[in-house]
Amino acid sequence: MEQVKEEMVRRAIEIGIVKDPQWMERLDEPVPMWVLLEMVMRLHDVLNPPHKPFD
Protein backbone atom coordinates (compact mmCIF):
# COMPACT_ATOMS: atom_id res chain seq x y z
CA MET A 1 0.00 0.00 0.00
CA GLU A 2 2.90 2.36 0.68
CA GLN A 3 4.07 2.04 -2.94
CA VAL A 4 0.65 3.11 -4.19
CA LYS A 5 0.68 6.17 -1.93
CA GLU A 6 4.21 7.08 -2.98
CA GLU A 7 3.33 6.73 -6.66
CA MET A 8 0.25 8.95 -6.31
CA VAL A 9 2.17 11.69 -4.52
CA ARG A 10 5.08 11.44 -6.96
CA ARG A 11 2.73 11.88 -9.91
CA ALA A 12 0.93 14.76 -8.22
CA ILE A 13 4.29 16.48 -7.70
CA GLU A 14 5.35 15.80 -11.31
CA ILE A 15 2.25 17.33 -12.87
CA GLY A 16 2.31 20.28 -10.49
CA ILE A 17 -0.74 19.65 -8.32
CA VAL A 18 1.35 19.34 -5.19
CA LYS A 19 4.09 21.93 -4.90
CA ASP A 20 5.62 20.70 -1.63
CA PRO A 21 7.91 17.65 -2.04
CA GLN A 22 7.69 17.06 1.72
CA TRP A 23 4.35 15.32 1.11
CA MET A 24 6.43 12.19 0.44
CA GLU A 25 7.24 12.13 4.15
CA ARG A 26 3.60 12.56 5.21
CA LEU A 27 1.79 9.91 3.17
CA ASP A 28 -0.68 8.99 5.91
CA GLU A 29 -1.81 12.53 6.63
CA PRO A 30 -5.02 13.70 4.99
CA VAL A 31 -4.63 15.82 1.87
CA PRO A 32 -6.65 18.94 1.20
CA MET A 33 -9.85 18.27 -0.72
CA TRP A 34 -8.76 20.49 -3.63
CA VAL A 35 -5.71 18.27 -4.18
CA LEU A 36 -7.86 15.16 -4.32
CA LEU A 37 -10.39 16.78 -6.66
CA GLU A 38 -7.65 18.10 -8.95
CA MET A 39 -6.16 14.61 -9.21
CA VAL A 40 -9.56 13.09 -10.02
CA MET A 41 -10.29 15.71 -12.68
CA ARG A 42 -6.92 15.23 -14.36
CA LEU A 43 -7.32 11.46 -14.29
CA HIS A 44 -10.77 11.84 -15.86
CA ASP A 45 -9.32 14.01 -18.64
CA VAL A 46 -6.63 11.42 -19.32
CA LEU A 47 -9.07 8.49 -19.43
CA ASN A 48 -11.83 10.37 -21.28
CA PRO A 49 -10.24 13.09 -23.44
CA PRO A 50 -12.70 15.91 -24.19
CA HIS A 51 -12.00 15.90 -27.95
CA LYS A 52 -12.06 12.16 -28.50
CA PRO A 53 -14.23 11.05 -31.45
CA PHE A 54 -17.14 8.75 -30.65
CA ASP A 55 -16.59 6.34 -33.54
PDB file of N, CA and C in Angstrom:
ATOM      1  N   MET A   1       0.819  -1.197   0.000  1.00  0.00           N
ATOM      2  CA  MET A   1       0.000   0.000   0.000  1.00  0.00           C
ATOM      3  C   MET A   1       0.865   1.264   0.000  1.00  0.00           C
ATOM      4  N   GLU A   2       2.018   1.199   0.644  1.00  0.00           N
ATOM      5  CA  GLU A   2       2.904   2.357   0.680  1.00  0.00           C
ATOM      6  C   GLU A   2       3.376   2.737  -0.721  1.00  0.00           C
ATOM      7  N   GLN A   3       3.624   1.743  -1.577  1.00  0.00           N
ATOM      8  CA  GLN A   3       4.070   2.037  -2.937  1.00  0.00           C
ATOM      9  C   GLN A   3       2.998   2.788  -3.705  1.00  0.00           C
ATOM     10  N   VAL A   4       1.748   2.431  -3.498  1.00  0.00           N
ATOM     11  CA  VAL A   4       0.649   3.114  -4.187  1.00  0.00           C
ATOM     12  C   VAL A   4       0.585   4.568  -3.747  1.00  0.00           C
ATOM     13  N   LYS A   5       0.699   4.801  -2.449  1.00  0.00           N
ATOM     14  CA  LYS A   5       0.676   6.174  -1.933  1.00  0.00           C
ATOM     15  C   LYS A   5       1.851   6.980  -2.483  1.00  0.00           C
ATOM     16  N   GLU A   6       3.031   6.379  -2.468  1.00  0.00           N
ATOM     17  CA  GLU A   6       4.212   7.078  -2.976  1.00  0.00           C
ATOM     18  C   GLU A   6       4.063   7.412  -4.451  1.00  0.00           C
ATOM     19  N   GLU A   7       3.516   6.498  -5.225  1.00  0.00           N
ATOM     20  CA  GLU A   7       3.328   6.731  -6.660  1.00  0.00           C
ATOM     21  C   GLU A   7       2.336   7.867  -6.909  1.00  0.00           C
ATOM     22  N   MET A   8       1.242   7.885  -6.146  1.00  0.00           N
ATOM     23  CA  MET A   8       0.250   8.947  -6.312  1.00  0.00           C
ATOM     24  C   MET A   8       0.831  10.312  -5.990  1.00  0.00           C
ATOM     25  N   VAL A   9       1.568  10.403  -4.897  1.00  0.00           N
ATOM     26  CA  VAL A   9       2.167  11.692  -4.518  1.00  0.00           C
ATOM     27  C   VAL A   9       3.236  12.094  -5.521  1.00  0.00           C
ATOM     28  N   ARG A  10       4.030  11.138  -5.980  1.00  0.00           N
ATOM     29  CA  ARG A  10       5.079  11.441  -6.958  1.00  0.00           C
ATOM     30  C   ARG A  10       4.468  12.005  -8.231  1.00  0.00           C
ATOM     31  N   ARG A  11       3.396  11.378  -8.698  1.00  0.00           N
ATOM     32  CA  ARG A  11       2.731  11.879  -9.914  1.00  0.00           C
ATOM     33  C   ARG A  11       2.110  13.247  -9.687  1.00  0.00           C
ATOM     34  N   ALA A  12       1.525  13.457  -8.521  1.00  0.00           N
ATOM     35  CA  ALA A  12       0.934  14.761  -8.216  1.00  0.00           C
ATOM     36  C   ALA A  12       2.000  15.842  -8.196  1.00  0.00           C
ATOM     37  N   ILE A  13       3.180  15.519  -7.710  1.00  0.00           N
ATOM     38  CA  ILE A  13       4.287  16.484  -7.704  1.00  0.00           C
ATOM     39  C   ILE A  13       4.771  16.728  -9.125  1.00  0.00           C
ATOM     40  N   GLU A  14       4.871  15.669  -9.928  1.00  0.00           N
ATOM     41  CA  GLU A  14       5.354  15.802 -11.308  1.00  0.00           C
ATOM     42  C   GLU A  14       4.459  16.692 -12.156  1.00  0.00           C
ATOM     43  N   ILE A  15       3.146  16.538 -12.024  1.00  0.00           N
ATOM     44  CA  ILE A  15       2.254  17.331 -12.869  1.00  0.00           C
ATOM     45  C   ILE A  15       1.923  18.686 -12.255  1.00  0.00           C
ATOM     46  N   GLY A  16       2.439  18.942 -11.058  1.00  0.00           N
ATOM     47  CA  GLY A  16       2.315  20.275 -10.492  1.00  0.00           C
ATOM     48  C   GLY A  16       1.125  20.498  -9.585  1.00  0.00           C
ATOM     49  N   ILE A  17       0.388  19.469  -9.239  1.00  0.00           N
ATOM     50  CA  ILE A  17      -0.742  19.647  -8.324  1.00  0.00           C
ATOM     51  C   ILE A  17      -0.219  19.940  -6.925  1.00  0.00           C
ATOM     52  N   VAL A  18       0.734  19.154  -6.503  1.00  0.00           N
ATOM     53  CA  VAL A  18       1.352  19.336  -5.194  1.00  0.00           C
ATOM     54  C   VAL A  18       2.687  20.029  -5.398  1.00  0.00           C
ATOM     55  N   LYS A  19       2.871  21.147  -4.746  1.00  0.00           N
ATOM     56  CA  LYS A  19       4.094  21.933  -4.902  1.00  0.00           C
ATOM     57  C   LYS A  19       5.140  21.588  -3.841  1.00  0.00           C
ATOM     58  N   ASP A  20       4.732  20.966  -2.760  1.00  0.00           N
ATOM     59  CA  ASP A  20       5.619  20.697  -1.630  1.00  0.00           C
ATOM     60  C   ASP A  20       6.112  19.252  -1.667  1.00  0.00           C
ATOM     61  N   PRO A  21       7.403  19.014  -1.982  1.00  0.00           N
ATOM     62  CA  PRO A  21       7.909  17.645  -2.044  1.00  0.00           C
ATOM     63  C   PRO A  21       7.940  16.953  -0.686  1.00  0.00           C
ATOM     64  N   GLN A  22       7.705  17.677   0.397  1.00  0.00           N
ATOM     65  CA  GLN A  22       7.688  17.060   1.716  1.00  0.00           C
ATOM     66  C   GLN A  22       6.449  16.183   1.936  1.00  0.00           C
ATOM     67  N   TRP A  23       5.512  16.209   1.009  1.00  0.00           N
ATOM     68  CA  TRP A  23       4.354  15.319   1.114  1.00  0.00           C
ATOM     69  C   TRP A  23       4.785  13.860   1.089  1.00  0.00           C
ATOM     70  N   MET A  24       5.939  13.557   0.479  1.00  0.00           N
ATOM     71  CA  MET A  24       6.431  12.186   0.436  1.00  0.00           C
ATOM     72  C   MET A  24       6.695  11.653   1.844  1.00  0.00           C
ATOM     73  N   GLU A  25       6.976  12.538   2.775  1.00  0.00           N
ATOM     74  CA  GLU A  25       7.243  12.131   4.154  1.00  0.00           C
ATOM     75  C   GLU A  25       5.967  12.027   4.981  1.00  0.00           C
ATOM     76  N   ARG A  26       4.853  12.531   4.452  1.00  0.00           N
ATOM     77  CA  ARG A  26       3.601  12.556   5.213  1.00  0.00           C
ATOM     78  C   ARG A  26       2.493  11.849   4.448  1.00  0.00           C
ATOM     79  N   LEU A  27       2.742  10.621   4.024  1.00  0.00           N
ATOM     80  CA  LEU A  27       1.791   9.905   3.170  1.00  0.00           C
ATOM     81  C   LEU A  27       0.491   9.560   3.879  1.00  0.00           C
ATOM     82  N   ASP A  28       0.519   9.397   5.181  1.00  0.00           N
ATOM     83  CA  ASP A  28      -0.680   8.989   5.909  1.00  0.00           C
ATOM     84  C   ASP A  28      -1.517  10.152   6.412  1.00  0.00           C
ATOM     85  N   GLU A  29      -1.025  11.368   6.228  1.00  0.00           N
ATOM     86  CA  GLU A  29      -1.805  12.534   6.631  1.00  0.00           C
ATOM     87  C   GLU A  29      -2.859  12.836   5.567  1.00  0.00           C
ATOM     88  N   PRO A  30      -3.998  13.349   5.980  1.00  0.00           N
ATOM     89  CA  PRO A  30      -5.024  13.697   4.992  1.00  0.00           C
ATOM     90  C   PRO A  30      -4.554  14.828   4.074  1.00  0.00           C
ATOM     91  N   VAL A  31      -4.968  14.753   2.824  1.00  0.00           N
ATOM     92  CA  VAL A  31      -4.627  15.817   1.874  1.00  0.00           C
ATOM     93  C   VAL A  31      -5.804  16.776   1.787  1.00  0.00           C
ATOM     94  N   PRO A  32      -5.544  18.004   1.390  1.00  0.00           N
ATOM     95  CA  PRO A  32      -6.653  18.939   1.198  1.00  0.00           C
ATOM     96  C   PRO A  32      -7.597  18.429   0.097  1.00  0.00           C
ATOM     97  N   MET A  33      -8.854  18.737   0.231  1.00  0.00           N
ATOM     98  CA  MET A  33      -9.855  18.273  -0.722  1.00  0.00           C
ATOM     99  C   MET A  33      -9.563  18.755  -2.127  1.00  0.00           C
ATOM    100  N   TRP A  34      -9.038  19.973  -2.278  1.00  0.00           N
ATOM    101  CA  TRP A  34      -8.764  20.494  -3.626  1.00  0.00           C
ATOM    102  C   TRP A  34      -7.704  19.661  -4.318  1.00  0.00           C
ATOM    103  N   VAL A  35      -6.744  19.112  -3.569  1.00  0.00           N
ATOM    104  CA  VAL A  35      -5.714  18.267  -4.176  1.00  0.00           C
ATOM    105  C   VAL A  35      -6.340  16.995  -4.704  1.00  0.00           C
ATOM    106  N   LEU A  36      -7.187  16.383  -3.899  1.00  0.00           N
ATOM    107  CA  LEU A  36      -7.863  15.159  -4.316  1.00  0.00           C
ATOM    108  C   LEU A  36      -8.751  15.403  -5.530  1.00  0.00           C
ATOM    109  N   LEU A  37      -9.511  16.481  -5.527  1.00  0.00           N
ATOM    110  CA  LEU A  37     -10.386  16.784  -6.659  1.00  0.00           C
ATOM    111  C   LEU A  37      -9.595  17.083  -7.927  1.00  0.00           C
ATOM    112  N   GLU A  38      -8.501  17.789  -7.795  1.00  0.00           N
ATOM    113  CA  GLU A  38      -7.654  18.095  -8.952  1.00  0.00           C
ATOM    114  C   GLU A  38      -7.097  16.814  -9.557  1.00  0.00           C
ATOM    115  N   MET A  39      -6.679  15.876  -8.708  1.00  0.00           N
ATOM    116  CA  MET A  39      -6.158  14.608  -9.206  1.00  0.00           C
ATOM    117  C   MET A  39      -7.249  13.820  -9.932  1.00  0.00           C
ATOM    118  N   VAL A  40      -8.447  13.804  -9.386  1.00  0.00           N
ATOM    119  CA  VAL A  40      -9.559  13.089 -10.020  1.00  0.00           C
ATOM    120  C   VAL A  40      -9.909  13.718 -11.364  1.00  0.00           C
ATOM    121  N   MET A  41      -9.948  15.041 -11.429  1.00  0.00           N
ATOM    122  CA  MET A  41     -10.290  15.714 -12.684  1.00  0.00           C
ATOM    123  C   MET A  41      -9.231  15.459 -13.756  1.00  0.00           C
ATOM    124  N   ARG A  42      -7.977  15.497 -13.377  1.00  0.00           N
ATOM    125  CA  ARG A  42      -6.916  15.228 -14.358  1.00  0.00           C
ATOM    126  C   ARG A  42      -6.945  13.781 -14.819  1.00  0.00           C
ATOM    127  N   LEU A  43      -7.214  12.867 -13.911  1.00  0.00           N
ATOM    128  CA  LEU A  43      -7.324  11.464 -14.291  1.00  0.00           C
ATOM    129  C   LEU A  43      -8.501  11.264 -15.240  1.00  0.00           C
ATOM    130  N   HIS A  44      -9.601  11.937 -14.984  1.00  0.00           N
ATOM    131  CA  HIS A  44     -10.770  11.844 -15.860  1.00  0.00           C
ATOM    132  C   HIS A  44     -10.429  12.354 -17.257  1.00  0.00           C
ATOM    133  N   ASP A  45      -9.703  13.458 -17.338  1.00  0.00           N
ATOM    134  CA  ASP A  45      -9.322  14.010 -18.638  1.00  0.00           C
ATOM    135  C   ASP A  45      -8.375  13.081 -19.394  1.00  0.00           C
ATOM    136  N   VAL A  46      -7.546  12.360 -18.668  1.00  0.00           N
ATOM    137  CA  VAL A  46      -6.635  11.416 -19.319  1.00  0.00           C
ATOM    138  C   VAL A  46      -7.403  10.208 -19.844  1.00  0.00           C
ATOM    139  N   LEU A  47      -8.326   9.689 -19.035  1.00  0.00           N
ATOM    140  CA  LEU A  47      -9.073   8.490 -19.434  1.00  0.00           C
ATOM    141  C   LEU A  47     -10.171   8.793 -20.450  1.00  0.00           C
ATOM    142  N   ASN A  48     -10.752   9.965 -20.376  1.00  0.00           N
ATOM    143  CA  ASN A  48     -11.830  10.375 -21.278  1.00  0.00           C
ATOM    144  C   ASN A  48     -11.506  11.742 -21.872  1.00  0.00           C
ATOM    145  N   PRO A  49     -10.619  11.795 -22.862  1.00  0.00           N
ATOM    146  CA  PRO A  49     -10.241  13.090 -23.436  1.00  0.00           C
ATOM    147  C   PRO A  49     -11.463  13.831 -23.964  1.00  0.00           C
ATOM    148  N   PRO A  50     -11.513  15.144 -23.776  1.00  0.00           N
ATOM    149  CA  PRO A  50     -12.695  15.909 -24.186  1.00  0.00           C
ATOM    150  C   PRO A  50     -12.899  15.960 -25.693  1.00  0.00           C
ATOM    151  N   HIS A  51     -11.862  15.787 -26.483  1.00  0.00           N
ATOM    152  CA  HIS A  51     -11.997  15.899 -27.948  1.00  0.00           C
ATOM    153  C   HIS A  51     -11.838  14.549 -28.636  1.00  0.00           C
ATOM    154  N   LYS A  52     -12.167  13.502 -27.949  1.00  0.00           N
ATOM    155  CA  LYS A  52     -12.055  12.157 -28.504  1.00  0.00           C
ATOM    156  C   LYS A  52     -13.282  11.868 -29.374  1.00  0.00           C
ATOM    157  N   PRO A  53     -13.075  11.378 -30.597  1.00  0.00           N
ATOM    158  CA  PRO A  53     -14.229  11.055 -31.450  1.00  0.00           C
ATOM    159  C   PRO A  53     -14.996   9.859 -30.896  1.00  0.00           C
ATOM    160  N   PHE A  54     -16.290   9.810 -31.165  1.00  0.00           N
ATOM    161  CA  PHE A  54     -17.142   8.748 -30.645  1.00  0.00           C
ATOM    162  C   PHE A  54     -17.063   7.464 -31.469  1.00  0.00           C
ATOM    163  N   ASP A  55     -16.605   7.548 -32.705  1.00  0.00           N
ATOM    164  CA  ASP A  55     -16.589   6.335 -33.540  1.00  0.00           C
ATOM    165  C   ASP A  55     -15.247   5.726 -33.642  1.00  0.00           C
TER     166      ASP A  55
END
